[in-house]
Amino acid sequence: MDNIVQVNKDLFLNISEAVKIEAHGNSFRISIRGNNGALTEYYCHADAPGYSKLKELLAKAK
């Protein structure tokens, strides 16, 4: 469960499935490839419940 991040009140993402995570202003853009091969982008804004956890996980990954 360490890689699960809540990006808004209804959406949780497993960031280990992310193709790319990049800083985008005061948020993070998370790109995940779905089962059909399509790339979907999600944003985790600074006021999102999982923002600090995502920031912490990315710092550990460096």
PDB file of N, CA and C in Angstrom:
ATOM      1  N   MET A   1       0.813  -1.203   0.000  1.00  0.00           N
ATOM      2  CA  MET A   1       0.000   0.000   0.000  1.00  0.00           C
ATOM      3  C   MET A   1       0.854   1.263   0.000  1.00  0.00           C
ATOM      4  N   ASP A   2       2.165   1.113   0.065  1.00  0.00           N
ATOM      5  CA  ASP A   2       3.022   2.294   0.111  1.00  0.00           C
ATOM      6  C   ASP A   2       2.976   3.120  -1.163  1.00  0.00           C
ATOM      7  N   ASN A   3       2.661   2.496  -2.295  1.00  0.00           N
ATOM      8  CA  ASN A   3       2.664   3.208  -3.567  1.00  0.00           C
ATOM      9  C   ASN A   3       1.289   3.739  -3.971  1.00  0.00           C
ATOM     10  N   ILE A   4       0.304   3.614  -3.105  1.00  0.00           N
ATOM     11  CA  ILE A   4      -1.033   4.116  -3.389  1.00  0.00           C
ATOM     12  C   ILE A   4      -1.130   5.551  -2.901  1.00  0.00           C
ATOM     13  N   VAL A   5      -1.500   6.452  -3.813  1.00  0.00           N
ATOM     14  CA  VAL A   5      -1.587   7.876  -3.493  1.00  0.00           C
ATOM     15  C   VAL A   5      -2.987   8.374  -3.826  1.00  0.00           C
ATOM     16  N   GLN A   6      -3.573   9.110  -2.910  1.00  0.00           N
ATOM     17  CA  GLN A   6      -4.907   9.692  -3.124  1.00  0.00           C
ATOM     18  C   GLN A   6      -4.728  11.047  -3.811  1.00  0.00           C
ATOM     19  N   VAL A   7      -5.137  11.133  -5.084  1.00  0.00           N
ATOM     20  CA  VAL A   7      -4.932  12.363  -5.850  1.00  0.00           C
ATOM     21  C   VAL A   7      -6.125  13.317  -5.777  1.00  0.00           C
ATOM     22  N   ASN A   8      -7.277  12.823  -5.378  1.00  0.00           N
ATOM     23  CA  ASN A   8      -8.423  13.678  -5.050  1.00  0.00           C
ATOM     24  C   ASN A   8      -9.343  12.874  -4.139  1.00  0.00           C
ATOM     25  N   LYS A   9     -10.517  13.407  -3.811  1.00  0.00           N
ATOM     26  CA  LYS A   9     -11.341  12.724  -2.803  1.00  0.00           C
ATOM     27  C   LYS A   9     -11.843  11.351  -3.244  1.00  0.00           C
ATOM     28  N   ASP A  10     -11.906  11.096  -4.541  1.00  0.00           N
ATOM     29  CA  ASP A  10     -12.452   9.832  -5.041  1.00  0.00           C
ATOM     30  C   ASP A  10     -11.464   8.947  -5.789  1.00  0.00           C
ATOM     31  N   LEU A  11     -10.248   9.409  -6.003  1.00  0.00           N
ATOM     32  CA  LEU A  11      -9.328   8.683  -6.872  1.00  0.00           C
ATOM     33  C   LEU A  11      -8.014   8.361  -6.169  1.00  0.00           C
ATOM     34  N   PHE A  12      -7.692   7.075  -6.176  1.00  0.00           N
ATOM     35  CA  PHE A  12      -6.425   6.586  -5.639  1.00  0.00           C
ATOM     36  C   PHE A  12      -5.645   5.977  -6.800  1.00  0.00           C
ATOM     37  N   LEU A  13      -4.357   6.270  -6.887  1.00  0.00           N
ATOM     38  CA  LEU A  13      -3.525   5.714  -7.953  1.00  0.00           C
ATOM     39  C   LEU A  13      -2.375   4.914  -7.366  1.00  0.00           C
ATOM     40  N   ASN A  14      -2.041   3.824  -8.031  1.00  0.00           N
ATOM     41  CA  ASN A  14      -0.845   3.062  -7.695  1.00  0.00           C
ATOM     42  C   ASN A  14       0.274   3.665  -8.535  1.00  0.00           C
ATOM     43  N   ILE A  15       1.116   4.461  -7.907  1.00  0.00           N
ATOM     44  CA  ILE A  15       2.120   5.172  -8.690  1.00  0.00           C
ATOM     45  C   ILE A  15       3.231   4.266  -9.206  1.00  0.00           C
ATOM     46  N   SER A  16       3.283   3.022  -8.737  1.00  0.00           N
ATOM     47  CA  SER A  16       4.269   2.094  -9.297  1.00  0.00           C
ATOM     48  C   SER A  16       3.902   1.732 -10.737  1.00  0.00           C
ATOM     49  N   GLU A  17       2.661   1.998 -11.140  1.00  0.00           N
ATOM     50  CA  GLU A  17       2.225   1.758 -12.516  1.00  0.00           C
ATOM     51  C   GLU A  17       2.436   2.977 -13.421  1.00  0.00           C
ATOM     52  N   ALA A  18       2.954   4.051 -12.854  1.00  0.00           N
ATOM     53  CA  ALA A  18       3.125   5.286 -13.625  1.00  0.00           C
ATOM     54  C   ALA A  18       4.243   5.144 -14.649  1.00  0.00           C
ATOM     55  N   VAL A  19       3.984   5.655 -15.846  1.00  0.00           N
ATOM     56  CA  VAL A  19       4.980   5.708 -16.901  1.00  0.00           C
ATOM     57  C   VAL A  19       5.907   6.896 -16.649  1.00  0.00           C
ATOM     58  N   LYS A  20       5.299   8.002 -16.174  1.00  0.00           N
ATOM     59  CA  LYS A  20       6.067   9.214 -15.917  1.00  0.00           C
ATOM     60  C   LYS A  20       5.363  10.034 -14.836  1.00  0.00           C
ATOM     61  N   ILE A  21       6.154  10.630 -13.949  1.00  0.00           N
ATOM     62  CA  ILE A  21       5.642  11.572 -12.952  1.00  0.00           C
ATOM     63  C   ILE A  21       6.515  12.806 -13.048  1.00  0.00           C
ATOM     64  N   GLU A  22       5.886  13.954 -13.267  1.00  0.00           N
ATOM     65  CA  GLU A  22       6.678  15.174 -13.386  1.00  0.00           C
ATOM     66  C   GLU A  22       6.009  16.330 -12.655  1.00  0.00           C
ATOM     67  N   ALA A  23       6.851  17.226 -12.140  1.00  0.00           N
ATOM     68  CA  ALA A  23       6.341  18.427 -11.486  1.00  0.00           C
ATOM     69  C   ALA A  23       5.714  19.310 -12.549  1.00  0.00           C
ATOM     70  N   HIS A  24       4.591  19.900 -12.205  1.00  0.00           N
ATOM     71  CA  HIS A  24       3.856  20.751 -13.142  1.00  0.00           C
ATOM     72  C   HIS A  24       3.283  21.913 -12.332  1.00  0.00           C
ATOM     73  N   GLY A  25       4.078  22.965 -12.156  1.00  0.00           N
ATOM     74  CA  GLY A  25       3.658  24.074 -11.306  1.00  0.00           C
ATOM     75  C   GLY A  25       3.609  23.608  -9.860  1.00  0.00           C
ATOM     76  N   ASN A  26       2.496  23.830  -9.178  1.00  0.00           N
ATOM     77  CA  ASN A  26       2.360  23.376  -7.792  1.00  0.00           C
ATOM     78  C   ASN A  26       1.569  22.062  -7.719  1.00  0.00           C
ATOM     79  N   SER A  27       1.754  21.235  -8.734  1.00  0.00           N
ATOM     80  CA  SER A  27       1.105  19.923  -8.762  1.00  0.00           C
ATOM     81  C   SER A  27       2.040  18.928  -9.458  1.00  0.00           C
ATOM     82  N   PHE A  28       1.635  17.684  -9.474  1.00  0.00           N
ATOM     83  CA  PHE A  28       2.357  16.653 -10.198  1.00  0.00           C
ATOM     84  C   PHE A  28       1.454  16.095 -11.284  1.00  0.00           C
ATOM     85  N   ARG A  29       2.035  15.850 -12.457  1.00  0.00           N
ATOM     86  CA  ARG A  29       1.319  15.187 -13.534  1.00  0.00           C
ATOM     87  C   ARG A  29       1.780  13.731 -13.547  1.00  0.00           C
ATOM     88  N   ILE A  30       0.824  12.824 -13.441  1.00  0.00           N
ATOM     89  CA  ILE A  30       1.109  11.388 -13.366  1.00  0.00           C
ATOM     90  C   ILE A  30       0.537  10.737 -14.620  1.00  0.00           C
ATOM     91  N   SER A  31       1.389  10.116 -15.408  1.00  0.00           N
ATOM     92  CA  SER A  31       0.957   9.451 -16.639  1.00  0.00           C
ATOM     93  C   SER A  31       0.950   7.940 -16.418  1.00  0.00           C
ATOM     94  N   ILE A  32      -0.200   7.319 -16.683  1.00  0.00           N
ATOM     95  CA  ILE A  32      -0.362   5.869 -16.512  1.00  0.00           C
ATOM     96  C   ILE A  32      -0.952   5.297 -17.792  1.00  0.00           C
ATOM     97  N   ARG A  33      -0.372   4.183 -18.255  1.00  0.00           N
ATOM     98  CA  ARG A  33      -0.871   3.511 -19.458  1.00  0.00           C
ATOM     99  C   ARG A  33      -1.908   2.468 -19.035  1.00  0.00           C
ATOM    100  N   GLY A  34      -3.082   2.562 -19.615  1.00  0.00           N
ATOM    101  CA  GLY A  34      -4.175   1.644 -19.282  1.00  0.00           C
ATOM    102  C   GLY A  34      -4.049   0.310 -19.983  1.00  0.00           C
ATOM    103  N   ASN A  35      -4.982  -0.578 -19.699  1.00  0.00           N
ATOM    104  CA  ASN A  35      -4.980  -1.914 -20.301  1.00  0.00           C
ATOM    105  C   ASN A  35      -5.107  -1.873 -21.810  1.00  0.00           C
ATOM    106  N   ASN A  36      -5.769  -0.849 -22.336  1.00  0.00           N
ATOM    107  CA  ASN A  36      -5.947  -0.738 -23.782  1.00  0.00           C
ATOM    108  C   ASN A  36      -4.777  -0.030 -24.456  1.00  0.00           C
ATOM    109  N   GLY A  37      -3.751   0.335 -23.680  1.00  0.00           N
ATOM    110  CA  GLY A  37      -2.562   0.975 -24.232  1.00  0.00           C
ATOM    111  C   GLY A  37      -2.624   2.487 -24.267  1.00  0.00           C
ATOM    112  N   ALA A  38      -3.781   3.052 -23.962  1.00  0.00           N
ATOM    113  CA  ALA A  38      -3.920   4.505 -23.976  1.00  0.00           C
ATOM    114  C   ALA A  38      -3.247   5.112 -22.742  1.00  0.00           C
ATOM    115  N   LEU A  39      -2.601   6.239 -22.943  1.00  0.00           N
ATOM    116  CA  LEU A  39      -1.945   6.954 -21.864  1.00  0.00           C
ATOM    117  C   LEU A  39      -2.928   7.953 -21.265  1.00  0.00           C
ATOM    118  N   THR A  40      -3.099   7.910 -19.964  1.00  0.00           N
ATOM    119  CA  THR A  40      -4.001   8.832 -19.267  1.00  0.00           C
ATOM    120  C   THR A  40      -3.180   9.645 -18.282  1.00  0.00           C
ATOM    121  N   GLU A  41      -3.434  10.948 -18.251  1.00  0.00           N
ATOM    122  CA  GLU A  41      -2.720  11.825 -17.334  1.00  0.00           C
ATOM    123  C   GLU A  41      -3.632  12.250 -16.199  1.00  0.00           C
ATOM    124  N   TYR A  42      -3.108  12.184 -15.000  1.00  0.00           N
ATOM    125  CA  TYR A  42      -3.810  12.612 -13.795  1.00  0.00           C
ATOM    126  C   TYR A  42      -2.988  13.706 -13.145  1.00  0.00           C
ATOM    127  N   TYR A  43      -3.646  14.610 -12.455  1.00  0.00           N
ATOM    128  CA  TYR A  43      -2.950  15.674 -11.742  1.00  0.00           C
ATOM    129  C   TYR A  43      -3.187  15.526 -10.253  1.00  0.00           C
ATOM    130  N   CYS A  44      -2.125  15.678  -9.492  1.00  0.00           N
ATOM    131  CA  CYS A  44      -2.198  15.678  -8.037  1.00  0.00           C
ATOM    132  C   CYS A  44      -1.801  17.082  -7.597  1.00  0.00           C
ATOM    133  N   HIS A  45      -2.792  17.892  -7.238  1.00  0.00           N
ATOM    134  CA  HIS A  45      -2.547  19.289  -6.863  1.00  0.00           C
ATOM    135  C   HIS A  45      -2.084  19.396  -5.414  1.00  0.00           C
ATOM    136  N   ALA A  46      -1.518  20.529  -5.070  1.00  0.00           N
ATOM    137  CA  ALA A  46      -0.944  20.742  -3.738  1.00  0.00           C
ATOM    138  C   ALA A  46      -1.958  20.557  -2.614  1.00  0.00           C
ATOM    139  N   ASP A  47      -3.232  20.773  -2.888  1.00  0.00           N
ATOM    140  CA  ASP A  47      -4.239  20.611  -1.837  1.00  0.00           C
ATOM    141  C   ASP A  47      -4.843  19.196  -1.800  1.00  0.00           C
ATOM    142  N   ALA A  48      -4.338  18.291  -2.621  1.00  0.00           N
ATOM    143  CA  ALA A  48      -4.831  16.910  -2.646  1.00  0.00           C
ATOM    144  C   ALA A  48      -4.345  16.161  -1.406  1.00  0.00           C
ATOM    145  N   PRO A  49      -5.153  15.218  -0.925  1.00  0.00           N
ATOM    146  CA  PRO A  49      -4.775  14.460   0.275  1.00  0.00           C
ATOM    147  C   PRO A  49      -3.421  13.741   0.146  1.00  0.00           C
ATOM    148  N   GLY A  50      -3.082  13.267  -1.044  1.00  0.00           N
ATOM    149  CA  GLY A  50      -1.852  12.490  -1.212  1.00  0.00           C
ATOM    150  C   GLY A  50      -0.656  13.262  -1.720  1.00  0.00           C
ATOM    151  N   TYR A  51      -0.770  14.592  -1.835  1.00  0.00           N
ATOM    152  CA  TYR A  51       0.317  15.397  -2.407  1.00  0.00           C
ATOM    153  C   TYR A  51       1.616  15.242  -1.622  1.00  0.00           C
ATOM    154  N   SER A  52       1.553  15.375  -0.306  1.00  0.00           N
ATOM    155  CA  SER A  52       2.781  15.299   0.503  1.00  0.00           C
ATOM    156  C   SER A  52       3.374  13.893   0.452  1.00  0.00           C
ATOM    157  N   LYS A  53       2.510  12.867   0.422  1.00  0.00           N
ATOM    158  CA  LYS A  53       3.010  11.491   0.323  1.00  0.00           C
ATOM    159  C   LYS A  53       3.710  11.277  -1.018  1.00  0.00           C
ATOM    160  N   LEU A  54       3.124  11.782  -2.097  1.00  0.00           N
ATOM    161  CA  LEU A  54       3.728  11.648  -3.416  1.00  0.00           C
ATOM    162  C   LEU A  54       5.068  12.374  -3.463  1.00  0.00           C
ATOM    163  N   LYS A  55       5.111  13.561  -2.910  1.00  0.00           N
ATOM    164  CA  LYS A  55       6.352  14.341  -2.872  1.00  0.00           C
ATOM    165  C   LYS A  55       7.433  13.584  -2.092  1.00  0.00           C
ATOM    166  N   GLU A  56       7.042  12.977  -0.985  1.00  0.00           N
ATOM    167  CA  GLU A  56       7.968  12.204  -0.155  1.00  0.00           C
ATOM    168  C   GLU A  56       8.469  10.963  -0.896  1.00  0.00           C
ATOM    169  N   LEU A  57       7.579  10.241  -1.567  1.00  0.00           N
ATOM    170  CA  LEU A  57       7.971   9.045  -2.318  1.00  0.00           C
ATOM    171  C   LEU A  57       8.930   9.390  -3.455  1.00  0.00           C
ATOM    172  N   LEU A  58       8.691  10.508  -4.117  1.00  0.00           N
ATOM    173  CA  LEU A  58       9.571  10.916  -5.209  1.00  0.00           C
ATOM    174  C   LEU A  58      10.946  11.326  -4.691  1.00  0.00           C
ATOM    175  N   ALA A  59      10.981  11.956  -3.519  1.00  0.00           N
ATOM    176  CA  ALA A  59      12.266  12.334  -2.924  1.00  0.00           C
ATOM    177  C   ALA A  59      13.083  11.090  -2.566  1.00  0.00           C
ATOM    178  N   LYS A  60      12.426  10.053  -2.070  1.00  0.00           N
ATOM    179  CA  LYS A  60      13.107   8.798  -1.721  1.00  0.00           C
ATOM    180  C   LYS A  60      13.635   8.094  -2.962  1.00  0.00           C
ATOM    181  N   ALA A  61      12.942   8.248  -4.080  1.00  0.00           N
ATOM    182  CA  ALA A  61      13.306   7.549  -5.312  1.00  0.00           C
ATOM    183  C   ALA A  61      14.553   8.136  -5.976  1.00  0.00           C
ATOM    184  N   LYS A  62      14.905   9.345  -5.613  1.00  0.00           N
ATOM    185  CA  LYS A  62      16.071   9.985  -6.255  1.00  0.00           C
ATOM    186  C   LYS A  62      17.374   9.444  -5.780  1.00  0.00           C
TER     187      LYS A  62
END
